[in-house]
Amino acid sequence: MEYNYLGVLVTIEEGGTVKVPLDKLADIGVGVGDTIEIFSDHDQVYLRKTDTFCDTCKANGHLHKLAALNVCTRCLVSLQQQAKKVEQ
């Protein structure tokens, strides 16, 4: 049997709620008790972990772990450049 969908199909319940399977949430690093942001763009609905923001500039994007901080690429490059200046 062939399906034309990339993911699993879920049914919208009374009251407009949708149950997302835990294994799908685990795929993006979300677990029970975590807080997520839900937003839409035209015909798409997105789930985003709320801790996916840079600790320095609060931008959303690809993060790098720097000690206990999550920093975006722009801030990481800036910190590296500042460190080079201090070394000189």
PDB file of N, CA and C in Angstrom:
ATOM      1  N   MET A   1       0.842  -1.174   0.000  1.00  0.00           N
ATOM      2  CA  MET A   1       0.000   0.000   0.000  1.00  0.00           C
ATOM      3  C   MET A   1       0.891   1.241   0.000  1.00  0.00           C
ATOM      4  N   GLU A   2       0.568   2.210  -0.841  1.00  0.00           N
ATOM      5  CA  GLU A   2       1.358   3.426  -0.963  1.00  0.00           C
ATOM      6  C   GLU A   2       0.580   4.612  -0.402  1.00  0.00           C
ATOM      7  N   TYR A   3       1.272   5.458   0.371  1.00  0.00           N
ATOM      8  CA  TYR A   3       0.648   6.641   0.954  1.00  0.00           C
ATOM      9  C   TYR A   3       1.265   7.895   0.348  1.00  0.00           C
ATOM     10  N   ASN A   4       0.505   8.943   0.264  1.00  0.00           N
ATOM     11  CA  ASN A   4       0.983  10.209  -0.283  1.00  0.00           C
ATOM     12  C   ASN A   4       1.347  11.209   0.807  1.00  0.00           C
ATOM     13  N   TYR A   5       1.674  10.732   1.995  1.00  0.00           N
ATOM     14  CA  TYR A   5       1.977  11.596   3.128  1.00  0.00           C
ATOM     15  C   TYR A   5       3.387  11.329   3.633  1.00  0.00           C
ATOM     16  N   LEU A   6       4.020  12.365   4.146  1.00  0.00           N
ATOM     17  CA  LEU A   6       5.367  12.218   4.697  1.00  0.00           C
ATOM     18  C   LEU A   6       5.357  11.830   6.166  1.00  0.00           C
ATOM     19  N   GLY A   7       4.293  12.129   6.865  1.00  0.00           N
ATOM     20  CA  GLY A   7       4.222  11.862   8.299  1.00  0.00           C
ATOM     21  C   GLY A   7       3.018  11.022   8.643  1.00  0.00           C
ATOM     22  N   VAL A   8       2.623  11.101   9.891  1.00  0.00           N
ATOM     23  CA  VAL A   8       1.443  10.370  10.352  1.00  0.00           C
ATOM     24  C   VAL A   8       0.224  11.285  10.268  1.00  0.00           C
ATOM     25  N   LEU A   9      -0.923  10.690  10.067  1.00  0.00           N
ATOM     26  CA  LEU A   9      -2.168  11.451  10.024  1.00  0.00           C
ATOM     27  C   LEU A   9      -2.820  11.416  11.392  1.00  0.00           C
ATOM     28  N   VAL A  10      -3.277  12.575  11.861  1.00  0.00           N
ATOM     29  CA  VAL A  10      -4.000  12.659  13.127  1.00  0.00           C
ATOM     30  C   VAL A  10      -5.317  13.379  12.867  1.00  0.00           C
ATOM     31  N   THR A  11      -6.285  13.132  13.716  1.00  0.00           N
ATOM     32  CA  THR A  11      -7.608  13.725  13.567  1.00  0.00           C
ATOM     33  C   THR A  11      -7.777  14.873  14.553  1.00  0.00           C
ATOM     34  N   ILE A  12      -8.354  15.955  14.087  1.00  0.00           N
ATOM     35  CA  ILE A  12      -8.655  17.085  14.970  1.00  0.00           C
ATOM     36  C   ILE A  12      -9.841  16.686  15.834  1.00  0.00           C
ATOM     37  N   GLU A  13      -9.658  16.829  17.142  1.00  0.00           N
ATOM     38  CA  GLU A  13     -10.681  16.398  18.096  1.00  0.00           C
ATOM     39  C   GLU A  13     -11.640  17.533  18.421  1.00  0.00           C
ATOM     40  N   GLU A  14     -12.690  17.192  19.165  1.00  0.00           N
ATOM     41  CA  GLU A  14     -13.633  18.208  19.648  1.00  0.00           C
ATOM     42  C   GLU A  14     -12.847  19.290  20.382  1.00  0.00           C
ATOM     43  N   GLY A  15     -13.220  20.516  20.177  1.00  0.00           N
ATOM     44  CA  GLY A  15     -12.523  21.613  20.837  1.00  0.00           C
ATOM     45  C   GLY A  15     -11.299  22.076  20.068  1.00  0.00           C
ATOM     46  N   GLY A  16     -10.997  21.435  18.937  1.00  0.00           N
ATOM     47  CA  GLY A  16      -9.889  21.863  18.096  1.00  0.00           C
ATOM     48  C   GLY A  16      -8.518  21.394  18.526  1.00  0.00           C
ATOM     49  N   THR A  17      -8.438  20.380  19.368  1.00  0.00           N
ATOM     50  CA  THR A  17      -7.129  19.894  19.807  1.00  0.00           C
ATOM     51  C   THR A  17      -6.602  18.818  18.867  1.00  0.00           C
ATOM     52  N   VAL A  18      -5.287  18.738  18.815  1.00  0.00           N
ATOM     53  CA  VAL A  18      -4.600  17.738  18.004  1.00  0.00           C
ATOM     54  C   VAL A  18      -3.610  17.019  18.901  1.00  0.00           C
ATOM     55  N   LYS A  19      -3.628  15.714  18.889  1.00  0.00           N
ATOM     56  CA  LYS A  19      -2.660  14.934  19.665  1.00  0.00           C
ATOM     57  C   LYS A  19      -1.498  14.560  18.754  1.00  0.00           C
ATOM     58  N   VAL A  20      -0.317  15.058  19.117  1.00  0.00           N
ATOM     59  CA  VAL A  20       0.894  14.742  18.360  1.00  0.00           C
ATOM     60  C   VAL A  20       1.558  13.550  19.035  1.00  0.00           C
ATOM     61  N   PRO A  21       1.852  12.483  18.290  1.00  0.00           N
ATOM     62  CA  PRO A  21       2.482  11.308  18.899  1.00  0.00           C
ATOM     63  C   PRO A  21       3.819  11.665  19.560  1.00  0.00           C
ATOM     64  N   LEU A  22       4.063  11.106  20.746  1.00  0.00           N
ATOM     65  CA  LEU A  22       5.290  11.409  21.495  1.00  0.00           C
ATOM     66  C   LEU A  22       6.551  11.091  20.711  1.00  0.00           C
ATOM     67  N   ASP A  23       6.529  10.043  19.885  1.00  0.00           N
ATOM     68  CA  ASP A  23       7.739   9.715  19.128  1.00  0.00           C
ATOM     69  C   ASP A  23       8.071  10.814  18.117  1.00  0.00           C
ATOM     70  N   LYS A  24       7.055  11.491  17.591  1.00  0.00           N
ATOM     71  CA  LYS A  24       7.307  12.603  16.667  1.00  0.00           C
ATOM     72  C   LYS A  24       7.875  13.807  17.414  1.00  0.00           C
ATOM     73  N   LEU A  25       7.380  14.052  18.618  1.00  0.00           N
ATOM     74  CA  LEU A  25       7.934  15.132  19.435  1.00  0.00           C
ATOM     75  C   LEU A  25       9.363  14.816  19.856  1.00  0.00           C
ATOM     76  N   ALA A  26       9.620  13.552  20.176  1.00  0.00           N
ATOM     77  CA  ALA A  26      10.973  13.145  20.568  1.00  0.00           C
ATOM     78  C   ALA A  26      11.957  13.349  19.416  1.00  0.00           C
ATOM     79  N   ASP A  27      11.480  13.214  18.177  1.00  0.00           N
ATOM     80  CA  ASP A  27      12.346  13.424  17.010  1.00  0.00           C
ATOM     81  C   ASP A  27      12.931  14.831  16.976  1.00  0.00           C
ATOM     82  N   ILE A  28      12.212  15.803  17.546  1.00  0.00           N
ATOM     83  CA  ILE A  28      12.716  17.179  17.567  1.00  0.00           C
ATOM     84  C   ILE A  28      13.209  17.586  18.954  1.00  0.00           C
ATOM     85  N   GLY A  29      13.370  16.600  19.823  1.00  0.00           N
ATOM     86  CA  GLY A  29      13.938  16.854  21.140  1.00  0.00           C
ATOM     87  C   GLY A  29      12.965  17.407  22.158  1.00  0.00           C
ATOM     88  N   VAL A  30      11.674  17.189  21.950  1.00  0.00           N
ATOM     89  CA  VAL A  30      10.651  17.679  22.869  1.00  0.00           C
ATOM     90  C   VAL A  30      10.112  16.508  23.667  1.00  0.00           C
ATOM     91  N   GLY A  31       9.977  16.696  24.962  1.00  0.00           N
ATOM     92  CA  GLY A  31       9.455  15.645  25.822  1.00  0.00           C
ATOM     93  C   GLY A  31       8.281  16.131  26.646  1.00  0.00           C
ATOM     94  N   VAL A  32       7.727  15.238  27.426  1.00  0.00           N
ATOM     95  CA  VAL A  32       6.599  15.564  28.294  1.00  0.00           C
ATOM     96  C   VAL A  32       7.007  16.682  29.254  1.00  0.00           C
ATOM     97  N   GLY A  33       6.189  17.707  29.377  1.00  0.00           N
ATOM     98  CA  GLY A  33       6.467  18.826  30.271  1.00  0.00           C
ATOM     99  C   GLY A  33       7.208  19.978  29.619  1.00  0.00           C
ATOM    100  N   ASP A  34       7.783  19.768  28.424  1.00  0.00           N
ATOM    101  CA  ASP A  34       8.470  20.851  27.722  1.00  0.00           C
ATOM    102  C   ASP A  34       7.448  21.843  27.176  1.00  0.00           C
ATOM    103  N   THR A  35       7.892  23.070  26.970  1.00  0.00           N
ATOM    104  CA  THR A  35       7.049  24.099  26.375  1.00  0.00           C
ATOM    105  C   THR A  35       7.467  24.287  24.928  1.00  0.00           C
ATOM    106  N   ILE A  36       6.478  24.347  24.044  1.00  0.00           N
ATOM    107  CA  ILE A  36       6.765  24.570  22.631  1.00  0.00           C
ATOM    108  C   ILE A  36       5.954  25.754  22.135  1.00  0.00           C
ATOM    109  N   GLU A  37       6.445  26.369  21.076  1.00  0.00           N
ATOM    110  CA  GLU A  37       5.723  27.448  20.408  1.00  0.00           C
ATOM    111  C   GLU A  37       5.038  26.845  19.187  1.00  0.00           C
ATOM    112  N   ILE A  38       3.783  27.219  18.965  1.00  0.00           N
ATOM    113  CA  ILE A  38       3.041  26.770  17.794  1.00  0.00           C
ATOM    114  C   ILE A  38       2.695  28.004  16.979  1.00  0.00           C
ATOM    115  N   PHE A  39       3.057  27.996  15.700  1.00  0.00           N
ATOM    116  CA  PHE A  39       2.700  29.119  14.840  1.00  0.00           C
ATOM    117  C   PHE A  39       2.396  28.609  13.440  1.00  0.00           C
ATOM    118  N   SER A  40       1.750  29.450  12.658  1.00  0.00           N
ATOM    119  CA  SER A  40       1.376  29.043  11.305  1.00  0.00           C
ATOM    120  C   SER A  40       1.879  30.057  10.294  1.00  0.00           C
ATOM    121  N   ASP A  41       2.062  29.570   9.085  1.00  0.00           N
ATOM    122  CA  ASP A  41       2.489  30.395   7.964  1.00  0.00           C
ATOM    123  C   ASP A  41       1.759  29.868   6.733  1.00  0.00           C
ATOM    124  N   HIS A  42       0.768  30.589   6.301  1.00  0.00           N
ATOM    125  CA  HIS A  42      -0.077  30.188   5.171  1.00  0.00           C
ATOM    126  C   HIS A  42      -0.732  28.841   5.456  1.00  0.00           C
ATOM    127  N   ASP A  43      -0.324  27.793   4.766  1.00  0.00           N
ATOM    128  CA  ASP A  43      -0.983  26.494   4.930  1.00  0.00           C
ATOM    129  C   ASP A  43      -0.162  25.511   5.754  1.00  0.00           C
ATOM    130  N   GLN A  44       0.797  25.999   6.520  1.00  0.00           N
ATOM    131  CA  GLN A  44       1.665  25.149   7.336  1.00  0.00           C
ATOM    132  C   GLN A  44       1.517  25.527   8.811  1.00  0.00           C
ATOM    133  N   VAL A  45       1.615  24.545   9.694  1.00  0.00           N
ATOM    134  CA  VAL A  45       1.648  24.784  11.135  1.00  0.00           C
ATOM    135  C   VAL A  45       2.976  24.245  11.638  1.00  0.00           C
ATOM    136  N   TYR A  46       3.671  25.019  12.460  1.00  0.00           N
ATOM    137  CA  TYR A  46       4.998  24.650  12.933  1.00  0.00           C
ATOM    138  C   TYR A  46       5.012  24.500  14.449  1.00  0.00           C
ATOM    139  N   LEU A  47       5.829  23.587  14.919  1.00  0.00           N
ATOM    140  CA  LEU A  47       6.123  23.433  16.343  1.00  0.00           C
ATOM    141  C   LEU A  47       7.593  23.773  16.524  1.00  0.00           C
ATOM    142  N   ARG A  48       7.902  24.590  17.523  1.00  0.00           N
ATOM    143  CA  ARG A  48       9.299  24.957  17.759  1.00  0.00           C
ATOM    144  C   ARG A  48       9.573  24.914  19.251  1.00  0.00           C
ATOM    145  N   LYS A  49      10.698  24.296  19.600  1.00  0.00           N
ATOM    146  CA  LYS A  49      11.118  24.290  20.999  1.00  0.00           C
ATOM    147  C   LYS A  49      11.382  25.722  21.432  1.00  0.00           C
ATOM    148  N   THR A  50      10.983  26.059  22.641  1.00  0.00           N
ATOM    149  CA  THR A  50      11.169  27.431  23.102  1.00  0.00           C
ATOM    150  C   THR A  50      12.599  27.713  23.532  1.00  0.00           C
ATOM    151  N   ASP A  51      13.423  26.694  23.642  1.00  0.00           N
ATOM    152  CA  ASP A  51      14.816  26.938  24.028  1.00  0.00           C
ATOM    153  C   ASP A  51      15.734  26.965  22.813  1.00  0.00           C
ATOM    154  N   THR A  52      15.169  27.240  21.630  1.00  0.00           N
ATOM    155  CA  THR A  52      15.983  27.293  20.427  1.00  0.00           C
ATOM    156  C   THR A  52      16.336  28.729  20.056  1.00  0.00           C
ATOM    157  N   PHE A  53      16.555  29.561  21.062  1.00  0.00           N
ATOM    158  CA  PHE A  53      16.926  30.946  20.839  1.00  0.00           C
ATOM    159  C   PHE A  53      18.317  31.190  21.412  1.00  0.00           C
ATOM    160  N   CYS A  54      19.058  32.057  20.760  1.00  0.00           N
ATOM    161  CA  CYS A  54      20.404  32.408  21.199  1.00  0.00           C
ATOM    162  C   CYS A  54      20.337  33.085  22.564  1.00  0.00           C
ATOM    163  N   ASP A  55      21.163  32.625  23.489  1.00  0.00           N
ATOM    164  CA  ASP A  55      21.198  33.217  24.825  1.00  0.00           C
ATOM    165  C   ASP A  55      21.781  34.628  24.812  1.00  0.00           C
ATOM    166  N   THR A  56      22.487  34.993  23.749  1.00  0.00           N
ATOM    167  CA  THR A  56      23.121  36.302  23.668  1.00  0.00           C
ATOM    168  C   THR A  56      22.224  37.343  23.005  1.00  0.00           C
ATOM    169  N   CYS A  57      21.737  37.038  21.789  1.00  0.00           N
ATOM    170  CA  CYS A  57      20.958  38.037  21.041  1.00  0.00           C
ATOM    171  C   CYS A  57      19.476  37.687  20.913  1.00  0.00           C
ATOM    172  N   LYS A  58      19.088  36.521  21.401  1.00  0.00           N
ATOM    173  CA  LYS A  58      17.694  36.051  21.374  1.00  0.00           C
ATOM    174  C   LYS A  58      17.180  35.725  19.976  1.00  0.00           C
ATOM    175  N   ALA A  59      18.075  35.629  18.987  1.00  0.00           N
ATOM    176  CA  ALA A  59      17.663  35.248  17.635  1.00  0.00           C
ATOM    177  C   ALA A  59      17.367  33.755  17.592  1.00  0.00           C
ATOM    178  N   ASN A  60      16.483  33.386  16.681  1.00  0.00           N
ATOM    179  CA  ASN A  60      16.171  31.975  16.497  1.00  0.00           C
ATOM    180  C   ASN A  60      17.017  31.455  15.349  1.00  0.00           C
ATOM    181  N   GLY A  61      17.504  30.268  15.494  1.00  0.00           N
ATOM    182  CA  GLY A  61      18.280  29.694  14.409  1.00  0.00           C
ATOM    183  C   GLY A  61      19.127  28.543  14.883  1.00  0.00           C
ATOM    184  N   HIS A  62      20.051  28.151  14.026  1.00  0.00           N
ATOM    185  CA  HIS A  62      20.957  27.054  14.356  1.00  0.00           C
ATOM    186  C   HIS A  62      21.857  27.488  15.508  1.00  0.00           C
ATOM    187  N   LEU A  63      21.856  26.707  16.574  1.00  0.00           N
ATOM    188  CA  LEU A  63      22.609  27.073  17.768  1.00  0.00           C
ATOM    189  C   LEU A  63      23.820  26.181  17.965  1.00  0.00           C
ATOM    190  N   HIS A  64      24.816  26.751  18.609  1.00  0.00           N
ATOM    191  CA  HIS A  64      26.031  26.038  18.986  1.00  0.00           C
ATOM    192  C   HIS A  64      26.130  26.080  20.505  1.00  0.00           C
ATOM    193  N   LYS A  65      26.560  24.990  21.089  1.00  0.00           N
ATOM    194  CA  LYS A  65      26.738  24.938  22.540  1.00  0.00           C
ATOM    195  C   LYS A  65      28.098  25.553  22.863  1.00  0.00           C
ATOM    196  N   LEU A  66      28.114  26.555  23.719  1.00  0.00           N
ATOM    197  CA  LEU A  66      29.344  27.212  24.155  1.00  0.00           C
ATOM    198  C   LEU A  66      29.294  27.259  25.668  1.00  0.00           C
ATOM    199  N   ALA A  67      30.023  26.339  26.298  1.00  0.00           N
ATOM    200  CA  ALA A  67      29.932  26.145  27.752  1.00  0.00           C
ATOM    201  C   ALA A  67      28.472  25.874  28.093  1.00  0.00           C
ATOM    202  N   ALA A  68      27.863  26.696  28.938  1.00  0.00           N
ATOM    203  CA  ALA A  68      26.462  26.478  29.316  1.00  0.00           C
ATOM    204  C   ALA A  68      25.504  27.282  28.443  1.00  0.00           C
ATOM    205  N   LEU A  69      26.029  27.990  27.442  1.00  0.00           N
ATOM    206  CA  LEU A  69      25.207  28.862  26.607  1.00  0.00           C
ATOM    207  C   LEU A  69      24.864  28.219  25.269  1.00  0.00           C
ATOM    208  N   ASN A  70      23.710  28.594  24.735  1.00  0.00           N
ATOM    209  CA  ASN A  70      23.349  28.295  23.352  1.00  0.00           C
ATOM    210  C   ASN A  70      23.525  29.592  22.580  1.00  0.00           C
ATOM    211  N   VAL A  71      24.414  29.608  21.584  1.00  0.00           N
ATOM    212  CA  VAL A  71      24.658  30.825  20.815  1.00  0.00           C
ATOM    213  C   VAL A  71      24.483  30.542  19.326  1.00  0.00           C
ATOM    214  N   CYS A  72      23.958  31.545  18.612  1.00  0.00           N
ATOM    215  CA  CYS A  72      23.778  31.413  17.169  1.00  0.00           C
ATOM    216  C   CYS A  72      25.131  31.576  16.480  1.00  0.00           C
ATOM    217  N   THR A  73      25.162  31.257  15.204  1.00  0.00           N
ATOM    218  CA  THR A  73      26.413  31.330  14.448  1.00  0.00           C
ATOM    219  C   THR A  73      26.970  32.745  14.440  1.00  0.00           C
ATOM    220  N   ARG A  74      26.105  33.749  14.257  1.00  0.00           N
ATOM    221  CA  ARG A  74      26.570  35.140  14.223  1.00  0.00           C
ATOM    222  C   ARG A  74      27.248  35.534  15.533  1.00  0.00           C
ATOM    223  N   CYS A  75      26.648  35.182  16.660  1.00  0.00           N
ATOM    224  CA  CYS A  75      27.236  35.518  17.962  1.00  0.00           C
ATOM    225  C   CYS A  75      28.508  34.714  18.215  1.00  0.00           C
ATOM    226  N   LEU A  76      28.528  33.462  17.776  1.00  0.00           N
ATOM    227  CA  LEU A  76      29.728  32.642  17.949  1.00  0.00           C
ATOM    228  C   LEU A  76      30.901  33.254  17.198  1.00  0.00           C
ATOM    229  N   VAL A  77      30.676  33.658  15.948  1.00  0.00           N
ATOM    230  CA  VAL A  77      31.733  34.289  15.153  1.00  0.00           C
ATOM    231  C   VAL A  77      32.185  35.584  15.821  1.00  0.00           C
ATOM    232  N   SER A  78      31.245  36.368  16.313  1.00  0.00           N
ATOM    233  CA  SER A  78      31.576  37.620  16.993  1.00  0.00           C
ATOM    234  C   SER A  78      32.421  37.366  18.241  1.00  0.00           C
ATOM    235  N   LEU A  79      32.040  36.372  19.022  1.00  0.00           N
ATOM    236  CA  LEU A  79      32.813  36.033  20.226  1.00  0.00           C
ATOM    237  C   LEU A  79      34.212  35.545  19.868  1.00  0.00           C
ATOM    238  N   GLN A  80      34.323  34.758  18.802  1.00  0.00           N
ATOM    239  CA  GLN A  80      35.634  34.278  18.368  1.00  0.00           C
ATOM    240  C   GLN A  80      36.514  35.439  17.925  1.00  0.00           C
ATOM    241  N   GLN A  81      35.934  36.403  17.203  1.00  0.00           N
ATOM    242  CA  GLN A  81      36.698  37.573  16.764  1.00  0.00           C
ATOM    243  C   GLN A  81      37.148  38.412  17.955  1.00  0.00           C
ATOM    244  N   GLN A  82      36.278  38.571  18.940  1.00  0.00           N
ATOM    245  CA  GLN A  82      36.644  39.323  20.142  1.00  0.00           C
ATOM    246  C   GLN A  82      37.751  38.614  20.909  1.00  0.00           C
ATOM    247  N   ALA A  83      37.698  37.290  20.961  1.00  0.00           N
ATOM    248  CA  ALA A  83      38.737  36.522  21.656  1.00  0.00           C
ATOM    249  C   ALA A  83      40.082  36.694  20.966  1.00  0.00           C
ATOM    250  N   LYS A  84      40.091  36.740  19.633  1.00  0.00           N
ATOM    251  CA  LYS A  84      41.342  36.943  18.892  1.00  0.00           C
ATOM    252  C   LYS A  84      41.929  38.315  19.191  1.00  0.00           C
ATOM    253  N   LYS A  85      41.068  39.334  19.315  1.00  0.00           N
ATOM    254  CA  LYS A  85      41.542  40.684  19.627  1.00  0.00           C
ATOM    255  C   LYS A  85      42.161  40.732  21.017  1.00  0.00           C
ATOM    256  N   VAL A  86      41.575  40.011  21.960  1.00  0.00           N
ATOM    257  CA  VAL A  86      42.093  39.978  23.330  1.00  0.00           C
ATOM    258  C   VAL A  86      43.456  39.304  23.358  1.00  0.00           C
ATOM    259  N   GLU A  87      43.639  38.270  22.528  1.00  0.00           N
ATOM    260  CA  GLU A  87      44.915  37.539  22.484  1.00  0.00           C
ATOM    261  C   GLU A  87      46.041  38.404  21.950  1.00  0.00           C
ATOM    262  N   GLN A  88      45.718  39.387  21.116  1.00  0.00           N
ATOM    263  CA  GLN A  88      46.761  40.203  20.465  1.00  0.00           C
ATOM    264  C   GLN A  88      47.342  41.214  21.379  1.00  0.00           C
TER     265      GLN A  88
END
